[in-house]
Amino acid sequence: MYLTSEKKKEIFKEFGGSEGNTGSAEGQIALFTHRIDHLTKHLKNNKKDASTRRALITLVGKRRSLLDYLKAKDIERYRAIIKKLKLRK
């Protein structure tokens, strides 16, 4: 599997502050970004995979919602996560 529990812990430790802090907005955004990158690579090779395309669009929407929430709550954290993940906007 592309996303092992060790990789998840590493993502949450880097972006969420600790391995157990899985509810932080930054950690969830980072996890969604990792999954989006994986699905994008998959779709480049499998252009007609409609279910993966739908899952990708859903993940992008979830990440956008979390980013909007973070922007409304704390603009500095929003700017930091955008810069760290090298996202547009």
N, C-alpha and C. Protein backbone atom coordinates (compact mmCIF):
# COMPACT_ATOMS: atom_id res chain seq x y z
N MET A 1 0.84 -1.18 0.00
CA MET A 1 0.00 0.00 0.00
C MET A 1 0.88 1.24 0.00
N TYR A 2 0.41 2.27 -0.64
CA TYR A 2 1.23 3.47 -0.80
C TYR A 2 1.32 4.31 0.47
N LEU A 3 0.36 4.16 1.39
CA LEU A 3 0.35 4.98 2.60
C LEU A 3 0.35 4.06 3.82
N THR A 4 1.52 3.84 4.37
CA THR A 4 1.63 2.98 5.53
C THR A 4 1.37 3.79 6.80
N SER A 5 1.18 3.09 7.90
CA SER A 5 0.94 3.79 9.16
C SER A 5 2.17 4.60 9.58
N GLU A 6 3.36 4.12 9.23
CA GLU A 6 4.57 4.87 9.55
C GLU A 6 4.61 6.19 8.78
N LYS A 7 4.21 6.13 7.51
CA LYS A 7 4.19 7.35 6.69
C LYS A 7 3.17 8.35 7.23
N LYS A 8 2.00 7.85 7.67
CA LYS A 8 0.99 8.73 8.26
C LYS A 8 1.53 9.40 9.52
N LYS A 9 2.17 8.60 10.38
CA LYS A 9 2.74 9.15 11.61
C LYS A 9 3.78 10.23 11.29
N GLU A 10 4.58 9.97 10.27
CA GLU A 10 5.61 10.93 9.86
C GLU A 10 4.97 12.25 9.38
N ILE A 11 3.90 12.13 8.59
CA ILE A 11 3.20 13.32 8.09
C ILE A 11 2.61 14.12 9.25
N PHE A 12 1.94 13.42 10.17
CA PHE A 12 1.31 14.13 11.30
C PHE A 12 2.35 14.70 12.25
N LYS A 13 3.50 14.03 12.38
CA LYS A 13 4.55 14.57 13.25
C LYS A 13 5.13 15.85 12.65
N GLU A 14 5.31 15.86 11.33
CA GLU A 14 5.90 17.02 10.67
C GLU A 14 4.94 18.21 10.63
N PHE A 15 3.66 17.95 10.34
CA PHE A 15 2.72 19.05 10.14
C PHE A 15 1.78 19.27 11.32
N GLY A 16 1.45 18.22 12.07
CA GLY A 16 0.49 18.35 13.16
C GLY A 16 1.11 18.62 14.50
N GLY A 17 2.40 18.45 14.61
CA GLY A 17 3.09 18.70 15.88
C GLY A 17 3.50 17.42 16.57
N SER A 18 2.65 16.39 16.55
CA SER A 18 3.00 15.10 17.13
C SER A 18 2.28 14.00 16.36
N GLU A 19 2.71 12.76 16.59
CA GLU A 19 2.11 11.63 15.88
C GLU A 19 0.64 11.46 16.23
N GLY A 20 0.28 11.75 17.46
CA GLY A 20 -1.09 11.54 17.91
C GLY A 20 -2.04 12.67 17.58
N ASN A 21 -1.52 13.78 17.09
CA ASN A 21 -2.35 14.93 16.79
C ASN A 21 -2.93 14.80 15.38
N THR A 22 -3.80 13.81 15.18
CA THR A 22 -4.34 13.55 13.85
C THR A 22 -5.51 14.46 13.50
N GLY A 23 -5.99 15.23 14.44
CA GLY A 23 -7.13 16.10 14.19
C GLY A 23 -6.76 17.50 13.78
N SER A 24 -5.47 17.83 13.78
CA SER A 24 -5.08 19.19 13.44
C SER A 24 -5.36 19.45 11.96
N ALA A 25 -5.76 20.66 11.66
CA ALA A 25 -6.06 21.02 10.28
C ALA A 25 -4.83 20.89 9.39
N GLU A 26 -3.67 21.30 9.90
CA GLU A 26 -2.45 21.22 9.11
C GLU A 26 -2.09 19.77 8.77
N GLY A 27 -2.22 18.88 9.75
CA GLY A 27 -1.93 17.47 9.51
C GLY A 27 -2.87 16.86 8.50
N GLN A 28 -4.15 17.17 8.59
CA GLN A 28 -5.12 16.63 7.65
C GLN A 28 -4.89 17.19 6.25
N ILE A 29 -4.57 18.47 6.14
CA ILE A 29 -4.28 19.07 4.84
C ILE A 29 -3.06 18.40 4.21
N ALA A 30 -2.03 18.15 5.01
CA ALA A 30 -0.83 17.50 4.51
C ALA A 30 -1.14 16.08 4.05
N LEU A 31 -1.96 15.36 4.80
CA LEU A 31 -2.33 14.00 4.42
C LEU A 31 -3.14 14.00 3.12
N PHE A 32 -4.09 14.92 3.01
CA PHE A 32 -4.87 15.04 1.77
C PHE A 32 -3.96 15.36 0.60
N THR A 33 -2.98 16.23 0.81
CA THR A 33 -2.06 16.60 -0.26
C THR A 33 -1.25 15.40 -0.72
N HIS A 34 -0.80 14.59 0.22
CA HIS A 34 -0.05 13.38 -0.13
C HIS A 34 -0.92 12.44 -0.95
N ARG A 35 -2.16 12.25 -0.53
CA ARG A 35 -3.08 11.37 -1.25
C ARG A 35 -3.42 11.94 -2.63
N ILE A 36 -3.60 13.25 -2.73
CA ILE A 36 -3.90 13.89 -4.01
C ILE A 36 -2.74 13.69 -4.99
N ASP A 37 -1.51 13.84 -4.51
CA ASP A 37 -0.34 13.63 -5.37
C ASP A 37 -0.30 12.19 -5.89
N HIS A 38 -0.59 11.24 -5.01
CA HIS A 38 -0.59 9.84 -5.41
C HIS A 38 -1.66 9.56 -6.47
N LEU A 39 -2.87 10.06 -6.26
CA LEU A 39 -3.95 9.83 -7.21
C LEU A 39 -3.69 10.53 -8.54
N THR A 40 -3.06 11.68 -8.50
CA THR A 40 -2.73 12.40 -9.73
C THR A 40 -1.75 11.59 -10.58
N LYS A 41 -0.74 11.02 -9.92
CA LYS A 41 0.21 10.17 -10.65
C LYS A 41 -0.48 8.95 -11.24
N HIS A 42 -1.40 8.38 -10.49
CA HIS A 42 -2.15 7.21 -10.98
C HIS A 42 -2.97 7.58 -12.21
N LEU A 43 -3.61 8.74 -12.18
CA LEU A 43 -4.47 9.14 -13.30
C LEU A 43 -3.67 9.51 -14.55
N LYS A 44 -2.43 9.87 -14.40
CA LYS A 44 -1.61 10.14 -15.58
C LYS A 44 -1.40 8.87 -16.40
N ASN A 45 -1.32 7.73 -15.71
CA ASN A 45 -1.14 6.45 -16.40
C ASN A 45 -2.46 5.79 -16.76
N ASN A 46 -3.52 6.07 -16.02
CA ASN A 46 -4.82 5.44 -16.20
C ASN A 46 -5.87 6.52 -16.42
N LYS A 47 -5.89 7.07 -17.61
CA LYS A 47 -6.73 8.23 -17.91
C LYS A 47 -8.23 7.95 -17.81
N LYS A 48 -8.65 6.72 -18.01
CA LYS A 48 -10.08 6.41 -18.04
C LYS A 48 -10.63 5.90 -16.71
N ASP A 49 -9.85 5.97 -15.66
CA ASP A 49 -10.26 5.48 -14.34
C ASP A 49 -11.19 6.51 -13.68
N ALA A 50 -12.48 6.35 -13.91
CA ALA A 50 -13.46 7.34 -13.46
C ALA A 50 -13.62 7.37 -11.95
N SER A 51 -13.55 6.23 -11.29
CA SER A 51 -13.74 6.21 -9.84
C SER A 51 -12.58 6.92 -9.13
N THR A 52 -11.37 6.76 -9.63
CA THR A 52 -10.23 7.46 -9.05
C THR A 52 -10.34 8.95 -9.29
N ARG A 53 -10.81 9.34 -10.47
CA ARG A 53 -11.00 10.75 -10.78
C ARG A 53 -12.00 11.38 -9.81
N ARG A 54 -13.09 10.66 -9.53
CA ARG A 54 -14.11 11.15 -8.60
C ARG A 54 -13.53 11.28 -7.19
N ALA A 55 -12.74 10.28 -6.76
CA ALA A 55 -12.11 10.34 -5.45
C ALA A 55 -11.15 11.52 -5.35
N LEU A 56 -10.43 11.78 -6.43
CA LEU A 56 -9.49 12.90 -6.45
C LEU A 56 -10.24 14.23 -6.30
N ILE A 57 -11.33 14.38 -7.02
CA ILE A 57 -12.11 15.62 -6.94
C ILE A 57 -12.67 15.80 -5.54
N THR A 58 -13.11 14.72 -4.91
CA THR A 58 -13.63 14.77 -3.54
C THR A 58 -12.54 15.21 -2.57
N LEU A 59 -11.34 14.64 -2.71
CA LEU A 59 -10.23 15.00 -1.82
C LEU A 59 -9.82 16.46 -1.99
N VAL A 60 -9.81 16.93 -3.22
CA VAL A 60 -9.46 18.33 -3.46
C VAL A 60 -10.47 19.25 -2.78
N GLY A 61 -11.74 18.88 -2.85
CA GLY A 61 -12.78 19.67 -2.19
C GLY A 61 -12.64 19.68 -0.68
N LYS A 62 -12.32 18.53 -0.11
CA LYS A 62 -12.12 18.45 1.34
C LYS A 62 -10.93 19.30 1.77
N ARG A 63 -9.85 19.22 0.99
CA ARG A 63 -8.66 20.03 1.33
C ARG A 63 -8.97 21.52 1.22
N ARG A 64 -9.72 21.89 0.18
CA ARG A 64 -10.10 23.30 0.00
C ARG A 64 -10.94 23.79 1.18
N SER A 65 -11.87 22.95 1.66
CA SER A 65 -12.69 23.32 2.80
C SER A 65 -11.85 23.54 4.05
N LEU A 66 -10.90 22.64 4.29
CA LEU A 66 -10.02 22.80 5.45
C LEU A 66 -9.14 24.04 5.32
N LEU A 67 -8.66 24.31 4.12
CA LEU A 67 -7.85 25.52 3.92
C LEU A 67 -8.69 26.78 4.14
N ASP A 68 -9.94 26.77 3.69
CA ASP A 68 -10.82 27.92 3.92
C ASP A 68 -11.07 28.11 5.41
N TYR A 69 -11.28 27.01 6.13
CA TYR A 69 -11.48 27.07 7.58
C TYR A 69 -10.25 27.68 8.26
N LEU A 70 -9.08 27.18 7.88
CA LEU A 70 -7.85 27.65 8.50
C LEU A 70 -7.60 29.13 8.18
N LYS A 71 -7.95 29.54 6.97
CA LYS A 71 -7.79 30.93 6.57
C LYS A 71 -8.68 31.85 7.41
N ALA A 72 -9.89 31.39 7.72
CA ALA A 72 -10.81 32.19 8.52
C ALA A 72 -10.40 32.24 9.98
N LYS A 73 -9.84 31.14 10.51
CA LYS A 73 -9.48 31.06 11.92
C LYS A 73 -8.14 31.73 12.23
N ASP A 74 -7.11 31.41 11.43
CA ASP A 74 -5.77 31.89 11.72
C ASP A 74 -4.99 32.04 10.42
N ILE A 75 -4.91 33.25 9.92
CA ILE A 75 -4.30 33.52 8.62
C ILE A 75 -2.81 33.15 8.59
N GLU A 76 -2.12 33.28 9.71
CA GLU A 76 -0.69 32.96 9.75
C GLU A 76 -0.44 31.46 9.58
N ARG A 77 -1.25 30.64 10.25
CA ARG A 77 -1.14 29.19 10.07
C ARG A 77 -1.46 28.79 8.64
N TYR A 78 -2.45 29.47 8.05
CA TYR A 78 -2.83 29.22 6.65
C TYR A 78 -1.65 29.52 5.73
N ARG A 79 -1.04 30.67 5.90
CA ARG A 79 0.08 31.06 5.05
C ARG A 79 1.27 30.10 5.23
N ALA A 80 1.49 29.65 6.46
CA ALA A 80 2.59 28.74 6.73
C ALA A 80 2.38 27.39 6.04
N ILE A 81 1.17 26.86 6.11
CA ILE A 81 0.91 25.54 5.50
C ILE A 81 0.96 25.64 3.98
N ILE A 82 0.47 26.75 3.42
CA ILE A 82 0.53 26.94 1.97
C ILE A 82 1.99 26.98 1.50
N LYS A 83 2.81 27.69 2.25
CA LYS A 83 4.22 27.81 1.89
C LYS A 83 4.95 26.48 2.05
N LYS A 84 4.67 25.78 3.14
CA LYS A 84 5.35 24.53 3.43
C LYS A 84 5.01 23.43 2.42
N LEU A 85 3.74 23.38 2.01
CA LEU A 85 3.31 22.36 1.05
C LEU A 85 3.46 22.80 -0.40
N LYS A 86 3.86 24.06 -0.60
CA LYS A 86 4.03 24.62 -1.94
C LYS A 86 2.75 24.53 -2.76
N LEU A 87 1.63 24.96 -2.13
CA LEU A 87 0.35 24.98 -2.82
C LEU A 87 0.14 26.35 -3.43
N ARG A 88 -0.65 26.40 -4.48
CA ARG A 88 -0.99 27.68 -5.08
C ARG A 88 -2.04 28.37 -4.25
N LYS A 89 -2.15 29.66 -4.40
CA LYS A 89 -3.15 30.54 -3.79
C LYS A 89 -2.72 31.20 -2.54
